[in-house]
């Protein structure tokens, strides 16, 4: 991509070859690859005052990755300084900032610039992006606003009337002292199983409201030994060997999730053994035993979640929540009996807008139709990355690129590689518009959903955030990740409408 320099020659509004939305793993990875290709004419639009995305925002007690550290990092930037096999949030955030600093990414970031609207302007073959930090235009837009960017609040009657302290786990209030408090936690997902054990010893009373019991496996987390650290720093390839062994080990999970769910019986036996190891009370054990196949929801990993729930100051409530009152949470059991639980702090561990990302409501085609309207409840994209009707738009961590078994960074890097191939093709051949054919997108998504049939994610007997309103899995990739990497290894121009730049329409934007 032999192009450098600014292209806002004729406009007061800054114009860039590429605008990247967000500075999490996707945004940083995209920016590094752009610079390595020799392109400096890009901007990263970041709504916060620091980069890092999910790993900046989720600073709750105990926040850590549930994928081994060596795999949950960029392939081009191994980190020989991890302290543990499963990295805590501060280390991951520092790693991201270090990678960005080493590759000169900070100079491209416009902080305090949340994208409020992005409109495709067909007459100029560009995007106009309105942000809280001003307007910019760009020939290409790469959305790195991932699925874990915006907290999801539960629709519970009276939630807005609560008079105590209320916050979502992704917006943790570190100034609020939990010592001696009566704390209620709503949700039992990946965040809750990490922060519940950390706050349990501090609070006077902890009431955990559980709608569905998750499968929780023992996490083989340990310190990285001094010998291992020395090998990773001094022996070429040592860390890559560790990374590849973890990768292929994780890929075997697909055999149970997508190929033959009977293999999941082994996982379920391990899960029940984990409950039996920590929970002696028969009634509590019953509450915490899942009633669906392992993998139908994301399998969680923790060594201290069950022991925390067995402590005398913890109540696990499985009755449905009726309403929230100024100083309590009200539940109703199967017989209709109502119970009021007095609390002074309410923590929401209720996940994120995964299948309905807010950024989709802010991206508009040439007719003013938002991406959210186009998708409805059935989000889809070609290669999970480009969308018919929205030229020059690339969506990282897009529809059906999520994972239930391994590192999302692997998929993000595969999408970045595909995006870079597309941008290089456009630059080399003088195209200013790339848009996937409707038929190519339809055919690709039919293939994805054919592959989804029979997987545990649609047959496992649970209601997960993987599924849309019609029970269709628009979130996960349905098979091995290496097969997705192969599909996105090269750009495929025959699947695209391509427009070559007429010399009279360049508007100062170099080809």
Protein backbone atom coordinates (compact mmCIF):
# COMPACT_ATOMS: atom_id res chain seq x y z
CA UNK A 1 0.00 0.00 0.00
CA UNK A 2 2.46 2.65 -1.19
CA UNK A 3 0.64 5.73 -0.01
CA UNK A 4 1.50 8.26 2.66
CA UNK A 5 0.38 11.72 3.60
CA UNK A 6 -2.90 13.49 4.26
CA UNK A 7 -5.66 13.65 1.70
CA UNK A 8 -7.74 16.55 3.06
CA UNK A 9 -6.46 18.85 0.34
CA UNK A 10 -9.71 20.52 -0.62
CA UNK A 11 -11.80 20.28 2.55
CA UNK A 12 -11.96 22.03 5.90
CA UNK A 13 -13.28 18.80 7.42
CA UNK A 14 -10.35 16.38 7.99
CA UNK A 15 -10.35 13.56 5.46
CA UNK A 16 -8.55 10.25 5.90
CA UNK A 17 -8.00 7.22 3.77
CA UNK A 18 -9.17 5.02 6.67
CA UNK A 19 -11.15 5.79 9.84
CA UNK A 20 -11.02 3.15 12.58
CA UNK A 21 -13.75 3.15 15.22
CA UNK A 22 -12.51 2.09 18.66
CA UNK A 23 -9.11 1.36 20.17
CA UNK A 24 -9.51 -2.09 21.66
CA UNK A 25 -7.76 -5.17 20.31
CA UNK A 26 -9.45 -4.73 16.92
CA UNK A 27 -8.61 -1.04 16.58
CA UNK A 28 -5.02 -1.41 17.74
CA UNK A 29 -4.40 -4.46 15.56
CA UNK A 30 -5.83 -2.72 12.50
CA UNK A 31 -3.75 0.39 13.13
CA UNK A 32 -0.53 -1.62 13.48
CA UNK A 33 -1.14 -3.40 10.18
CA UNK A 34 -1.93 -0.11 8.41
CA UNK A 35 1.34 1.40 9.57
CA UNK A 36 3.29 -1.72 8.66
CA UNK A 37 1.83 -1.44 5.14
CA UNK A 38 3.11 2.11 4.89
CA UNK A 39 -0.19 3.92 5.27
CA UNK A 40 -0.15 6.82 7.69
CA UNK A 41 -3.34 8.52 6.55
CA UNK A 42 -5.73 7.04 9.08
CA UNK A 43 -7.43 8.05 12.31
CA UNK A 44 -8.69 6.10 15.30
CA UNK A 45 -11.89 7.51 16.77
CA UNK A 46 -12.02 6.69 20.47
CA UNK A 47 -14.87 7.81 22.73
CA UNK A 48 -12.90 7.59 25.98
CA UNK A 49 -9.76 9.43 27.10
CA UNK A 50 -7.54 6.33 26.91
CA UNK A 51 -7.24 3.37 24.57
CA UNK A 52 -8.00 -0.22 25.49
CA UNK A 53 -11.71 -0.84 24.86
CA UNK A 54 -13.14 -3.71 26.89
CA UNK A 55 -9.91 -4.17 28.85
CA UNK A 56 -9.87 -0.51 29.82
CA UNK A 57 -13.49 -0.43 30.93
CA UNK A 58 -13.84 -3.75 32.75
CA UNK A 59 -11.74 -3.06 35.82
CA UNK A 60 -13.97 -4.85 38.33
CA UNK A 61 -12.27 -6.86 41.11
CA UNK A 62 -10.91 -10.13 39.76
CA UNK A 63 -11.21 -9.19 36.08
CA UNK A 64 -9.07 -11.56 34.03
CA UNK A 65 -9.04 -13.39 30.74
CA UNK A 66 -10.57 -16.86 30.51
CA UNK A 67 -8.29 -17.77 27.59
CA UNK A 68 -4.60 -18.51 28.31
CA UNK A 69 -2.38 -15.44 28.06
CA UNK A 70 -0.12 -16.66 25.26
CA UNK A 71 -3.10 -17.05 22.94
CA UNK A 72 -4.97 -13.94 24.05
CA UNK A 73 -2.44 -11.59 22.45
CA UNK A 74 -1.40 -10.51 18.98
CA UNK A 75 0.55 -13.07 16.96
CA UNK A 76 2.94 -10.30 15.90
CA UNK A 77 3.55 -9.09 19.47
CA UNK A 78 4.21 -11.96 21.89
CA UNK A 79 4.55 -10.91 25.50
CA UNK A 80 7.25 -12.78 27.44
CA UNK A 81 6.35 -10.92 30.63
CA UNK A 82 2.95 -12.41 31.52
CA UNK A 83 2.85 -13.14 35.24
CA UNK A 84 0.19 -15.87 35.09
CA UNK A 85 -1.17 -18.42 32.66
CA UNK A 86 -4.48 -16.49 32.67
CA UNK A 87 -3.70 -12.77 32.68
CA UNK A 88 -5.44 -10.26 34.96
CA UNK A 89 -7.01 -7.16 33.47
CA UNK A 90 -4.28 -4.67 34.43
CA UNK A 91 -1.64 -6.74 32.61
CA UNK A 92 -3.75 -7.08 29.47
CA UNK A 93 -4.45 -3.35 29.40
CA UNK A 94 -0.77 -2.54 29.90
CA UNK A 95 0.13 -4.97 27.12
CA UNK A 96 -2.27 -3.21 24.73
CA UNK A 97 -0.88 0.20 25.61
CA UNK A 98 2.66 -1.06 25.15
CA UNK A 99 1.92 -2.51 21.70
CA UNK A 100 0.26 0.74 20.67
CA UNK A 101 3.21 2.77 21.91
CA UNK A 102 5.82 0.60 20.23
CA UNK A 103 4.05 0.92 16.88
CA UNK A 104 3.33 4.66 17.05
CA UNK A 105 -0.43 4.26 17.26
CA UNK A 106 -1.05 7.02 19.81
CA UNK A 107 -0.38 9.73 17.23
CA UNK A 108 -3.40 8.57 15.22
CA UNK A 109 -5.97 8.53 18.05
CA UNK A 110 -8.60 11.23 18.50
CA UNK A 111 -9.77 10.79 22.08
CA UNK A 112 -13.19 12.01 23.21
CA UNK A 113 -14.54 11.29 19.73
CA UNK A 114 -17.49 8.93 20.06
CA UNK A 115 -19.08 8.22 16.69
CA UNK A 116 -22.68 9.39 16.84
CA UNK A 117 -23.46 8.88 13.14
CA UNK A 118 -21.66 7.58 10.06
CA UNK A 119 -23.28 8.32 6.68
CA UNK A 120 -22.22 6.91 3.31
CA UNK A 121 -22.06 9.71 0.73
CA UNK A 122 -22.34 8.00 -2.67
CA UNK A 123 -21.62 11.12 -4.72
CA UNK A 124 -18.22 11.45 -3.06
CA UNK A 125 -17.61 7.73 -2.42
CA UNK A 126 -16.77 8.35 1.19
CA UNK A 127 -18.05 8.17 4.73
CA UNK A 128 -18.92 11.20 6.81
CA UNK A 129 -18.56 10.49 10.51
CA UNK A 130 -20.09 12.76 13.12
CA UNK A 131 -18.36 12.42 16.46
CA UNK A 132 -18.47 14.14 19.83
CA UNK A 133 -15.04 15.54 18.93
CA UNK A 134 -16.01 16.90 15.51
CA UNK A 135 -16.68 15.69 11.97
CA UNK A 136 -14.30 13.70 9.79
CA UNK A 137 -14.64 11.99 6.43
CA UNK A 138 -12.95 8.82 5.22
CA UNK A 139 -12.81 6.68 2.12
CA UNK A 140 -12.90 3.48 4.18
CA UNK A 141 -14.28 2.81 7.66
CA UNK A 142 -13.21 -0.08 9.89
CA UNK A 143 -15.44 -0.65 12.90
CA UNK A 144 -13.55 -2.01 15.87
CA UNK A 145 -16.42 -1.34 18.26
CA UNK A 146 -16.60 -4.87 19.59
CA UNK A 147 -19.55 -6.84 20.97
CA UNK A 148 -18.50 -6.22 24.59
CA UNK A 149 -18.43 -2.45 24.27
CA UNK A 150 -21.83 -1.43 25.65
CA UNK A 151 -23.30 -2.79 28.90
CA UNK A 152 -26.78 -4.30 28.76
CA UNK A 153 -29.16 -3.25 31.52
CA UNK A 154 -31.97 -5.61 32.50
CA UNK A 155 -35.57 -4.66 31.89
CA UNK A 156 -36.76 -4.87 35.50
CA UNK A 157 -39.66 -2.89 36.86
CA UNK A 158 -38.56 -0.19 39.29
CA UNK A 159 -34.83 -0.43 38.57
CA UNK A 160 -34.68 3.34 38.20
CA UNK A 161 -36.26 3.83 41.64
CA UNK A 162 -33.46 2.13 43.57
CA UNK A 163 -32.08 4.58 46.13
CA UNK A 164 -28.87 2.73 47.00
CA UNK A 165 -25.73 2.45 44.89
CA UNK A 166 -26.34 0.81 41.51
CA UNK A 167 -23.78 0.10 38.80
CA UNK A 168 -22.92 -2.36 36.03
CA UNK A 169 -19.82 -4.51 36.40
CA UNK A 170 -18.34 -2.86 33.28
CA UNK A 171 -18.67 0.52 34.99
CA UNK A 172 -17.41 -0.48 38.42
CA UNK A 173 -17.61 2.20 41.09
CA UNK A 174 -14.25 1.87 42.82
CA UNK A 175 -15.11 4.74 45.17
CA UNK A 176 -18.00 2.80 46.70
CA UNK A 177 -16.80 0.87 49.74
CA UNK A 178 -18.52 -2.52 49.91
CA UNK A 179 -17.36 -3.30 53.44
CA UNK A 180 -20.33 -4.17 55.64
CA UNK A 181 -22.85 -3.64 52.83
CA UNK A 182 -25.89 -5.70 51.88
CA UNK A 183 -25.08 -6.34 48.25
CA UNK A 184 -27.27 -7.83 45.53
CA UNK A 185 -25.76 -9.17 42.31
CA UNK A 186 -27.98 -9.80 39.29
CA UNK A 187 -26.43 -12.17 36.77
CA UNK A 188 -24.15 -15.20 36.85
CA UNK A 189 -22.08 -14.75 33.69
CA UNK A 190 -18.36 -14.48 33.02
CA UNK A 191 -17.97 -11.20 34.92
CA UNK A 192 -19.97 -12.20 38.00
CA UNK A 193 -18.04 -15.40 38.61
CA UNK A 194 -14.88 -13.31 38.76
CA UNK A 195 -15.98 -10.44 40.99
CA UNK A 196 -18.32 -12.34 43.35
CA UNK A 197 -15.46 -14.23 45.07
CA UNK A 198 -13.53 -10.96 45.47
CA UNK A 199 -16.32 -9.01 47.12
CA UNK A 200 -17.84 -11.84 49.19
CA UNK A 201 -15.33 -11.57 52.08
CA UNK A 202 -15.92 -7.80 52.35
CA UNK A 203 -19.69 -7.54 52.40
CA UNK A 204 -22.05 -8.17 55.27
CA UNK A 205 -24.55 -10.01 53.08
CA UNK A 206 -24.40 -11.00 49.41
CA UNK A 207 -27.54 -12.06 47.56
CA UNK A 208 -26.90 -13.54 44.14
CA UNK A 209 -29.91 -13.59 41.82
CA UNK A 210 -29.43 -16.44 39.38
CA UNK A 211 -31.72 -17.05 36.41
CA UNK A 212 -29.70 -19.92 34.94
CA UNK A 213 -26.88 -21.89 36.53
CA UNK A 214 -23.76 -21.84 34.29
CA UNK A 215 -21.29 -24.63 33.75
CA UNK A 216 -18.17 -23.67 35.72
CA UNK A 217 -14.92 -25.59 35.25
CA UNK A 218 -11.77 -25.60 37.35
CA UNK A 219 -9.30 -23.07 35.94
CA UNK A 220 -5.71 -24.25 35.76
CA UNK A 221 -4.29 -20.83 36.57
CA UNK A 222 -0.81 -20.50 38.01
CA UNK A 223 2.22 -18.23 38.12
CA UNK A 224 4.55 -18.28 35.13
CA UNK A 225 7.76 -19.75 36.52
CA UNK A 226 11.09 -17.94 36.34
CA UNK A 227 12.40 -20.66 34.00
CA UNK A 228 9.44 -20.25 31.66
CA UNK A 229 9.89 -16.49 31.63
CA UNK A 230 13.59 -16.86 30.84
CA UNK A 231 12.81 -19.24 27.97
CA UNK A 232 10.18 -16.90 26.50
CA UNK A 233 12.60 -13.95 26.65
CA UNK A 234 15.73 -15.70 25.43
CA UNK A 235 14.88 -18.75 23.31
CA UNK A 236 13.55 -17.86 19.86
CA UNK A 237 10.29 -19.61 19.13
CA UNK A 238 9.68 -20.88 22.66
CA UNK A 239 6.62 -18.71 23.17
CA UNK A 240 5.31 -19.49 19.70
CA UNK A 241 5.49 -23.19 20.52
CA UNK A 242 3.50 -22.57 23.71
CA UNK A 243 0.98 -20.48 21.77
CA UNK A 244 0.48 -23.09 19.05
CA UNK A 245 0.06 -25.92 21.56
CA UNK A 246 -2.62 -23.94 23.39
CA UNK A 247 -4.30 -23.05 20.08
CA UNK A 248 -4.57 -26.64 18.86
CA UNK A 249 -5.65 -27.85 22.28
CA UNK A 250 -8.48 -25.32 22.28
CA UNK A 251 -9.50 -26.30 18.75
CA UNK A 252 -10.28 -29.81 19.99
CA UNK A 253 -13.20 -28.31 21.93
CA UNK A 254 -15.01 -27.93 18.60
CA UNK A 255 -15.25 -31.71 18.38
CA UNK A 256 -17.77 -31.60 21.22
CA UNK A 257 -19.40 -28.24 20.52
CA UNK A 258 -19.99 -28.67 16.80
CA UNK A 259 -19.18 -32.19 15.64
CA UNK A 260 -20.34 -34.70 18.23
CA UNK A 261 -22.03 -33.28 21.37
CA UNK A 262 -21.68 -36.68 23.07
CA UNK A 263 -18.08 -35.68 23.83
CA UNK A 264 -19.53 -33.01 26.09
CA UNK A 265 -20.51 -35.68 28.59
CA UNK A 266 -16.91 -35.68 29.79
CA UNK A 267 -17.05 -31.91 30.31
CA UNK A 268 -20.31 -32.19 32.23
CA UNK A 269 -18.89 -34.85 34.54
CA UNK A 270 -15.97 -32.52 35.29
CA UNK A 271 -18.42 -29.68 35.94
CA UNK A 272 -20.48 -31.73 38.38
CA UNK A 273 -17.31 -32.85 40.13
CA UNK A 274 -16.33 -29.21 40.52
CA UNK A 275 -19.68 -28.51 42.21
CA UNK A 276 -19.39 -31.56 44.47
CA UNK A 277 -15.88 -30.53 45.50
CA UNK A 278 -17.02 -27.18 46.89
CA UNK A 279 -20.75 -27.39 47.63
CA UNK A 280 -21.87 -29.73 50.41
CA UNK A 281 -25.40 -28.40 50.92
CA UNK A 282 -27.77 -30.50 48.75
CA UNK A 283 -30.20 -27.65 48.08
CA UNK A 284 -27.45 -25.24 47.02
CA UNK A 285 -25.91 -27.96 44.88
CA UNK A 286 -29.27 -28.42 43.15
CA UNK A 287 -29.50 -24.70 42.44
CA UNK A 288 -26.02 -24.57 40.97
CA UNK A 289 -26.30 -27.62 38.71
CA UNK A 290 -27.04 -26.62 35.08
CA UNK A 291 -30.01 -28.14 33.27
CA UNK A 292 -28.61 -27.83 29.73
CA UNK A 293 -25.69 -29.21 27.76
CA UNK A 294 -22.24 -27.82 28.49
CA UNK A 295 -21.27 -25.30 25.82
CA UNK A 296 -24.81 -24.18 25.04
CA UNK A 297 -23.88 -21.09 27.02
CA UNK A 298 -20.26 -20.05 27.41
CA UNK A 299 -18.42 -22.42 29.73
CA UNK A 300 -16.98 -20.42 32.61
CA UNK A 301 -13.76 -21.02 34.51
CA UNK A 302 -13.16 -20.35 38.18
CA UNK A 303 -11.53 -21.94 41.21
CA UNK A 304 -13.16 -19.73 43.83
CA UNK A 305 -16.72 -19.09 42.62
CA UNK A 306 -18.34 -22.14 44.21
CA UNK A 307 -16.41 -21.84 47.50
CA UNK A 308 -17.58 -18.21 47.74
CA UNK A 309 -21.22 -19.20 47.24
CA UNK A 310 -20.92 -21.77 50.02
CA UNK A 311 -19.97 -19.13 52.60
CA UNK A 312 -22.52 -18.29 55.36
CA UNK A 313 -23.02 -14.67 54.22
CA UNK A 314 -24.16 -15.63 50.70
CA UNK A 315 -27.67 -16.46 49.48
CA UNK A 316 -28.30 -17.81 45.98
CA UNK A 317 -31.81 -16.88 44.87
CA UNK A 318 -33.30 -18.61 41.82
CA UNK A 319 -36.82 -17.19 42.11
CA UNK A 320 -37.76 -14.71 39.41
CA UNK A 321 -37.30 -11.00 40.08
CA UNK A 322 -40.62 -9.15 40.11
CA UNK A 323 -39.40 -5.62 40.72
CA UNK A 324 -36.79 -3.43 42.33
CA UNK A 325 -37.91 -1.08 45.10
CA UNK A 326 -35.98 1.85 46.64
CA UNK A 327 -34.19 -0.40 49.12
CA UNK A 328 -34.89 -3.96 48.03
CA UNK A 329 -35.29 -6.55 45.31
CA UNK A 330 -38.57 -8.44 45.20
CA UNK A 331 -38.86 -12.03 43.94
CA UNK A 332 -41.70 -14.50 43.43
CA UNK A 333 -41.31 -18.28 43.66
CA UNK A 334 -43.14 -20.97 41.69
CA UNK A 335 -46.00 -21.05 44.19
CA UNK A 336 -46.54 -17.31 43.91
CA UNK A 337 -45.03 -16.40 47.27
CA UNK A 338 -43.32 -13.01 47.24
CA UNK A 339 -40.07 -12.28 49.11
CA UNK A 340 -38.46 -8.88 49.63
CA UNK A 341 -34.67 -8.85 49.88
CA UNK A 342 -33.32 -5.71 51.53
CA UNK A 343 -30.12 -4.41 49.91
CA UNK A 344 -28.18 -1.14 49.79
CA UNK A 345 -25.95 -1.92 46.79
CA UNK A 346 -27.03 -3.42 43.48
CA UNK A 347 -24.43 -4.69 41.00
CA UNK A 348 -25.53 -5.70 37.51
CA UNK A 349 -23.55 -8.51 35.93
CA UNK A 350 -25.94 -8.63 32.99
CA UNK A 351 -23.59 -8.67 30.03
CA UNK A 352 -23.48 -6.57 26.88
CA UNK A 353 -25.32 -5.69 23.69
CA UNK A 354 -23.84 -8.51 21.64
CA UNK A 355 -26.51 -9.35 19.05
CA UNK A 356 -27.69 -5.72 18.84
CA UNK A 357 -24.53 -3.58 18.94
CA UNK A 358 -25.32 0.14 19.36
CA UNK A 359 -22.78 1.09 16.67
CA UNK A 360 -25.11 -0.53 14.11
CA UNK A 361 -27.76 2.07 14.95
CA UNK A 362 -25.30 4.83 14.00
CA UNK A 363 -24.09 3.60 10.60
CA UNK A 364 -26.29 4.64 7.64
CA UNK A 365 -26.36 3.69 3.97
CA UNK A 366 -26.94 6.12 1.10
CA UNK A 367 -30.72 6.01 1.68
CA UNK A 368 -30.43 6.83 5.38
CA UNK A 369 -31.17 3.29 6.55
CA UNK A 370 -29.18 2.26 9.60
CA UNK A 371 -27.23 -0.96 9.69
CA UNK A 372 -29.40 -2.02 12.62
CA UNK A 373 -32.52 -1.56 10.50
CA UNK A 374 -30.99 -3.51 7.64
CA UNK A 375 -30.01 -6.36 9.92
CA UNK A 376 -33.11 -6.43 12.09
CA UNK A 377 -32.60 -9.32 14.48
CA UNK A 378 -30.65 -11.33 11.89
CA UNK A 379 -27.23 -9.70 11.58
CA UNK A 380 -25.14 -10.98 8.70
CA UNK A 381 -22.08 -10.00 6.71
CA UNK A 382 -19.89 -11.46 3.99
CA UNK A 383 -16.95 -13.23 5.62
CA UNK A 384 -18.35 -11.72 8.81
CA UNK A 385 -16.65 -8.50 7.73
CA UNK A 386 -18.29 -6.60 4.82
CA UNK A 387 -21.97 -5.78 4.29
CA UNK A 388 -23.97 -5.41 1.08
CA UNK A 389 -25.38 -1.88 0.82
CA UNK A 390 -22.63 -0.39 2.99
CA UNK A 391 -19.62 0.13 0.71
CA UNK A 392 -16.11 0.48 2.06
CA UNK A 393 -17.20 -0.64 5.53
CA UNK A 394 -15.38 -3.40 7.39
CA UNK A 395 -16.82 -4.76 10.65
CA UNK A 396 -14.30 -6.47 12.92
CA UNK A 397 -15.75 -9.00 15.38
CA UNK A 398 -18.81 -8.90 13.11
CA UNK A 399 -21.70 -11.36 12.74
CA UNK A 400 -20.79 -15.02 13.26
CA UNK A 401 -17.16 -14.34 14.12
CA UNK A 402 -17.53 -14.79 17.88
CA UNK A 403 -16.14 -17.81 19.69
CA UNK A 404 -17.15 -20.03 22.56
CA UNK A 405 -13.92 -21.95 22.95
CA UNK A 406 -10.79 -19.95 22.13
CA UNK A 407 -9.24 -16.51 21.64
CA UNK A 408 -11.27 -13.83 19.90
CA UNK A 409 -7.98 -12.13 19.01
CA UNK A 410 -7.31 -14.96 16.52
CA UNK A 411 -10.52 -14.15 14.64
CA UNK A 412 -9.87 -10.41 14.79
CA UNK A 413 -6.44 -10.91 13.23
CA UNK A 414 -7.96 -13.04 10.46
CA UNK A 415 -10.44 -10.24 9.70
CA UNK A 416 -7.70 -7.62 9.79
CA UNK A 417 -5.69 -9.67 7.29
CA UNK A 418 -8.72 -9.85 4.98
CA UNK A 419 -9.38 -6.12 5.35
CA UNK A 420 -5.77 -5.29 4.56
CA UNK A 421 -5.91 -7.49 1.46
CA UNK A 422 -9.01 -5.58 0.32
CA UNK A 423 -7.42 -2.18 0.94
CA UNK A 424 -4.23 -3.16 -0.87
CA UNK A 425 -6.26 -4.44 -3.82
CA UNK A 426 -8.18 -1.17 -4.00
CA UNK A 427 -5.02 0.91 -3.79
CA UNK A 428 -3.10 -1.14 -6.36
CA UNK A 429 -5.94 -1.25 -8.89
CA UNK A 430 -7.41 2.21 -8.40
CA UNK A 431 -10.78 1.29 -6.91
CA UNK A 432 -12.61 3.67 -4.61
CA UNK A 433 -15.61 1.48 -3.78
CA UNK A 434 -15.80 -2.11 -2.55
CA UNK A 435 -19.16 -3.67 -1.79
CA UNK A 436 -19.99 -7.38 -1.53
CA UNK A 437 -22.56 -8.77 -3.94
CA UNK A 438 -25.92 -9.51 -2.31
CA UNK A 439 -25.79 -13.06 -3.66
CA UNK A 440 -22.28 -13.65 -2.28
CA UNK A 441 -23.39 -12.46 1.15
CA UNK A 442 -26.56 -14.57 1.05
CA UNK A 443 -24.68 -17.70 -0.05
CA UNK A 444 -21.98 -17.23 2.59
CA UNK A 445 -24.49 -16.84 5.41
CA UNK A 446 -26.49 -19.84 4.27
CA UNK A 447 -23.27 -21.85 4.51
CA UNK A 448 -22.64 -20.54 8.02
CA UNK A 449 -26.10 -21.45 9.25
CA UNK A 450 -26.03 -24.87 7.60
CA UNK A 451 -22.84 -25.50 9.53
CA UNK A 452 -24.56 -24.32 12.72
CA UNK A 453 -27.18 -27.09 12.58
CA UNK A 454 -26.59 -29.79 15.13
CA UNK A 455 -24.11 -27.74 17.18
CA UNK A 456 -24.59 -27.47 20.92
CA UNK A 457 -25.21 -23.72 20.53
CA UNK A 458 -28.59 -24.36 18.91
CA UNK A 459 -29.49 -27.81 20.28
CA UNK A 460 -28.16 -27.58 23.82
CA UNK A 461 -31.43 -26.61 25.49
CA UNK A 462 -30.60 -23.15 26.75
CA UNK A 463 -31.48 -19.53 26.00
CA UNK A 464 -28.13 -17.81 25.49
CA UNK A 465 -26.93 -14.42 24.29
CA UNK A 466 -25.55 -16.26 21.26
CA UNK A 467 -29.08 -16.45 19.80
CA UNK A 468 -31.31 -13.78 18.28
CA UNK A 469 -35.04 -13.43 18.89
CA UNK A 470 -35.79 -16.24 16.41
CA UNK A 471 -33.35 -18.62 18.06
CA UNK A 472 -30.81 -18.19 15.25
CA UNK A 473 -27.14 -18.02 16.20
CA UNK A 474 -25.82 -14.83 14.61
CA UNK A 475 -22.90 -14.53 17.01
CA UNK A 476 -20.57 -17.53 16.83
CA UNK A 477 -18.43 -19.09 14.13
CA UNK A 478 -19.80 -22.65 13.85
CA UNK A 479 -16.65 -24.72 13.43
CA UNK A 480 -12.84 -24.68 13.63
CA UNK A 481 -11.19 -21.27 13.60
CA UNK A 482 -8.49 -22.40 11.16
CA UNK A 483 -11.21 -22.86 8.54
CA UNK A 484 -12.26 -19.23 9.00
CA UNK A 485 -8.63 -18.12 8.71
CA UNK A 486 -8.38 -19.97 5.40
CA UNK A 487 -11.57 -18.34 4.07
CA UNK A 488 -10.22 -14.88 4.87
CA UNK A 489 -6.62 -15.44 3.84
CA UNK A 490 -7.05 -13.70 0.48
CA UNK A 491 -9.35 -10.98 -0.78
CA UNK A 492 -11.84 -12.29 -3.34
CA UNK A 493 -12.71 -9.43 -5.75
CA UNK A 494 -15.08 -11.60 -7.81
CA UNK A 495 -17.52 -11.44 -4.86
CA UNK A 496 -17.59 -7.63 -4.91
CA UNK A 497 -18.98 -4.71 -6.85
CA UNK A 498 -15.92 -2.61 -7.60
CA UNK A 499 -15.79 0.97 -8.83
CA UNK A 500 -12.67 2.42 -10.37
CA UNK A 501 -11.92 6.06 -9.60
CA UNK A 502 -12.55 8.33 -12.59
CA UNK A 503 -9.82 10.94 -12.75
CA UNK A 504 -12.41 13.75 -12.60
CA UNK A 505 -13.85 12.44 -9.30
CA UNK A 506 -10.76 12.08 -7.16
CA UNK A 507 -11.50 15.25 -5.17
CA UNK A 508 -7.92 15.34 -3.98
CA UNK A 509 -8.11 11.78 -2.62
CA UNK A 510 -5.10 9.88 -4.02
CA UNK A 511 -5.79 6.53 -5.58
